Amino acid sequence: MILLSLFLMLGGLLIINTIYAYQTKHIDSNFFHTLWYYIKLIPFFLSASMMIGYGVKYLTKIVDNLTFSLIVSKGMEILVCVVIGYIFLKEIPTWRTGIGITIILFGFWILKGK
């Protein structure tokens, strides 16, 4: 069940961050072009939102801690953002990115420690 919750969150976060990255790279900044782009993608936003919601719900059932589940989701989002940034904009993570992710992982360890 824990893998299901993590894959649901990961899938939803990948969808949403890919939509935003694609818009940044390929969609004209004209308001109506952007609006039409988002109207066409409403089903993807709904699916991604439900995937993230159910992922958090299932993880909360397992660990019995909503705060931890939400922080795991945000941590996964940071990793997804790094990957999507590299794929779409060829941004290579710097040493500062590595230190930031290390601090986040240390925070998970502190949060879950008893």
C-alpha atoms as a PDB file:
ATOM      1  CA  MET A   1       0.000   0.000   0.000  1.00  0.00           C
ATOM      2  CA  ILE A   2       2.902   2.349   0.687  1.00  0.00           C
ATOM      3  CA  LEU A   3       4.246   1.871  -2.854  1.00  0.00           C
ATOM      4  CA  LEU A   4       0.798   2.590  -4.271  1.00  0.00           C
ATOM      5  CA  SER A   5       0.580   5.851  -2.340  1.00  0.00           C
ATOM      6  CA  LEU A   6       4.075   6.913  -3.407  1.00  0.00           C
ATOM      7  CA  PHE A   7       3.444   6.042  -7.074  1.00  0.00           C
ATOM      8  CA  LEU A   8       0.125   7.916  -7.030  1.00  0.00           C
ATOM      9  CA  MET A   9       1.800  11.024  -5.619  1.00  0.00           C
ATOM     10  CA  LEU A  10       4.724  10.707  -8.022  1.00  0.00           C
ATOM     11  CA  GLY A  11       2.432  10.307 -11.033  1.00  0.00           C
ATOM     12  CA  GLY A  12       0.292  13.299 -10.110  1.00  0.00           C
ATOM     13  CA  LEU A  13       3.307  15.494  -9.411  1.00  0.00           C
ATOM     14  CA  LEU A  14       4.933  14.499 -12.699  1.00  0.00           C
ATOM     15  CA  ILE A  15       1.772  15.402 -14.622  1.00  0.00           C
ATOM     16  CA  ILE A  16       1.351  18.818 -12.995  1.00  0.00           C
ATOM     17  CA  ASN A  17       5.003  19.831 -13.182  1.00  0.00           C
ATOM     18  CA  THR A  18       5.261  18.652 -16.787  1.00  0.00           C
ATOM     19  CA  ILE A  19       2.250  20.788 -17.711  1.00  0.00           C
ATOM     20  CA  TYR A  20       3.840  23.886 -16.158  1.00  0.00           C
ATOM     21  CA  ALA A  21       7.246  23.201 -17.689  1.00  0.00           C
ATOM     22  CA  TYR A  22       5.747  22.639 -21.140  1.00  0.00           C
ATOM     23  CA  GLN A  23       3.857  25.928 -20.845  1.00  0.00           C
ATOM     24  CA  THR A  24       7.031  27.772 -19.894  1.00  0.00           C
ATOM     25  CA  LYS A  25       8.954  26.361 -22.833  1.00  0.00           C
ATOM     26  CA  HIS A  26       6.400  26.092 -25.651  1.00  0.00           C
ATOM     27  CA  ILE A  27       3.232  28.150 -25.050  1.00  0.00           C
ATOM     28  CA  ASP A  28       3.018  31.793 -26.098  1.00  0.00           C
ATOM     29  CA  SER A  29       2.611  34.196 -23.165  1.00  0.00           C
ATOM     30  CA  ASN A  30      -0.537  35.662 -24.725  1.00  0.00           C
ATOM     31  CA  PHE A  31      -3.366  35.327 -22.184  1.00  0.00           C
ATOM     32  CA  PHE A  32      -5.817  33.623 -24.539  1.00  0.00           C
ATOM     33  CA  HIS A  33      -3.255  31.085 -25.788  1.00  0.00           C
ATOM     34  CA  THR A  34      -2.426  30.211 -22.197  1.00  0.00           C
ATOM     35  CA  LEU A  35      -6.109  30.046 -21.233  1.00  0.00           C
ATOM     36  CA  TRP A  36      -6.880  27.715 -24.142  1.00  0.00           C
ATOM     37  CA  TYR A  37      -3.893  25.534 -23.185  1.00  0.00           C
ATOM     38  CA  TYR A  38      -5.218  25.161 -19.630  1.00  0.00           C
ATOM     39  CA  ILE A  39      -8.801  24.529 -20.744  1.00  0.00           C
ATOM     40  CA  LYS A  40      -7.586  21.632 -22.890  1.00  0.00           C
ATOM     41  CA  LEU A  41      -5.669  20.192 -19.942  1.00  0.00           C
ATOM     42  CA  ILE A  42      -8.448  20.289 -17.309  1.00  0.00           C
ATOM     43  CA  PRO A  43      -8.842  16.465 -17.371  1.00  0.00           C
ATOM     44  CA  PHE A  44      -5.113  16.050 -16.680  1.00  0.00           C
ATOM     45  CA  PHE A  45      -5.250  18.511 -13.772  1.00  0.00           C
ATOM     46  CA  LEU A  46      -8.245  16.664 -12.324  1.00  0.00           C
ATOM     47  CA  SER A  47      -6.510  13.293 -12.683  1.00  0.00           C
ATOM     48  CA  ALA A  48      -3.261  14.585 -11.194  1.00  0.00           C
ATOM     49  CA  SER A  49      -5.055  16.238  -8.288  1.00  0.00           C
ATOM     50  CA  MET A  50      -6.931  13.043  -7.489  1.00  0.00           C
ATOM     51  CA  MET A  51      -3.736  10.990  -7.733  1.00  0.00           C
ATOM     52  CA  ILE A  52      -1.937  13.275  -5.291  1.00  0.00           C
ATOM     53  CA  GLY A  53      -4.961  13.370  -2.981  1.00  0.00           C
ATOM     54  CA  TYR A  54      -5.332   9.606  -2.852  1.00  0.00           C
ATOM     55  CA  GLY A  55      -1.581   9.160  -2.475  1.00  0.00           C
ATOM     56  CA  VAL A  56      -1.568  11.446   0.563  1.00  0.00           C
ATOM     57  CA  LYS A  57      -4.696   9.742   1.931  1.00  0.00           C
ATOM     58  CA  TYR A  58      -3.219   6.235   1.637  1.00  0.00           C
ATOM     59  CA  LEU A  59       0.134   7.295   3.076  1.00  0.00           C
ATOM     60  CA  THR A  60      -1.636   8.992   5.989  1.00  0.00           C
ATOM     61  CA  LYS A  61      -3.519   5.748   6.701  1.00  0.00           C
ATOM     62  CA  ILE A  62      -0.217   3.858   6.789  1.00  0.00           C
ATOM     63  CA  VAL A  63       1.916   6.252   8.865  1.00  0.00           C
ATOM     64  CA  ASP A  64      -0.982   7.807  10.823  1.00  0.00           C
ATOM     65  CA  ASN A  65       0.510  11.292  10.430  1.00  0.00           C
ATOM     66  CA  LEU A  66      -0.900  13.805   7.933  1.00  0.00           C
ATOM     67  CA  THR A  67       1.954  16.272   8.397  1.00  0.00           C
ATOM     68  CA  PHE A  68       4.513  13.631   7.474  1.00  0.00           C
ATOM     69  CA  SER A  69       2.471  12.582   4.421  1.00  0.00           C
ATOM     70  CA  LEU A  70       2.256  16.157   3.143  1.00  0.00           C
ATOM     71  CA  ILE A  71       5.963  16.737   3.711  1.00  0.00           C
ATOM     72  CA  VAL A  72       6.776  13.539   1.804  1.00  0.00           C
ATOM     73  CA  SER A  73       4.642  14.865  -1.048  1.00  0.00           C
ATOM     74  CA  LYS A  74       6.509  18.181  -1.052  1.00  0.00           C
ATOM     75  CA  GLY A  75       9.863  16.408  -0.927  1.00  0.00           C
ATOM     76  CA  MET A  76       8.870  14.300  -3.907  1.00  0.00           C
ATOM     77  CA  GLU A  77       7.773  17.462  -5.706  1.00  0.00           C
ATOM     78  CA  ILE A  78      11.194  19.020  -5.233  1.00  0.00           C
ATOM     79  CA  LEU A  79      12.863  15.963  -6.760  1.00  0.00           C
ATOM     80  CA  VAL A  80      10.346  15.977  -9.629  1.00  0.00           C
ATOM     81  CA  CYS A  81      11.057  19.684 -10.227  1.00  0.00           C
ATOM     82  CA  VAL A  82      14.779  19.000 -10.501  1.00  0.00           C
ATOM     83  CA  VAL A  83      14.169  16.215 -13.037  1.00  0.00           C
ATOM     84  CA  ILE A  84      11.609  18.208 -15.060  1.00  0.00           C
ATOM     85  CA  GLY A  85      13.912  21.259 -15.055  1.00  0.00           C
ATOM     86  CA  TYR A  86      16.654  19.137 -16.542  1.00  0.00           C
ATOM     87  CA  ILE A  87      14.407  17.508 -19.148  1.00  0.00           C
ATOM     88  CA  PHE A  88      12.720  20.681 -20.412  1.00  0.00           C
ATOM     89  CA  LEU A  89      15.237  23.456 -19.774  1.00  0.00           C
ATOM     90  CA  LYS A  90      18.493  21.476 -19.564  1.00  0.00           C
ATOM     91  CA  GLU A  91      19.152  22.971 -16.113  1.00  0.00           C
ATOM     92  CA  ILE A  92      21.901  20.949 -14.494  1.00  0.00           C
ATOM     93  CA  PRO A  93      21.532  20.777 -10.700  1.00  0.00           C
ATOM     94  CA  THR A  94      24.328  22.560  -8.832  1.00  0.00           C
ATOM     95  CA  TRP A  95      26.005  21.656  -5.566  1.00  0.00           C
ATOM     96  CA  ARG A  96      23.531  23.987  -3.839  1.00  0.00           C
ATOM     97  CA  THR A  97      20.678  21.822  -5.088  1.00  0.00           C
ATOM     98  CA  GLY A  98      22.384  18.772  -3.605  1.00  0.00           C
ATOM     99  CA  ILE A  99      22.845  20.507  -0.254  1.00  0.00           C
ATOM    100  CA  GLY A 100      19.199  21.596  -0.273  1.00  0.00           C
ATOM    101  CA  ILE A 101      17.961  18.079  -0.953  1.00  0.00           C
ATOM    102  CA  THR A 102      20.275  16.756   1.782  1.00  0.00           C
ATOM    103  CA  ILE A 103      18.782  19.243   4.256  1.00  0.00           C
ATOM    104  CA  ILE A 104      15.279  18.121   3.269  1.00  0.00           C
ATOM    105  CA  LEU A 105      16.199  14.450   3.778  1.00  0.00           C
ATOM    106  CA  PHE A 106      17.680  15.323   7.166  1.00  0.00           C
ATOM    107  CA  GLY A 107      14.394  17.057   7.992  1.00  0.00           C
ATOM    108  CA  PHE A 108      12.476  13.862   7.136  1.00  0.00           C
ATOM    109  CA  TRP A 109      14.742  11.946   9.485  1.00  0.00           C
ATOM    110  CA  ILE A 110      14.148  14.468  12.292  1.00  0.00           C
ATOM    111  CA  LEU A 111      10.391  14.555  11.675  1.00  0.00           C
ATOM    112  CA  LYS A 112       9.949  10.788  11.726  1.00  0.00           C
ATOM    113  CA  GLY A 113      12.379  10.181  14.600  1.00  0.00           C
ATOM    114  CA  LYS A 114      10.772   9.278  17.903  1.00  0.00           C
END
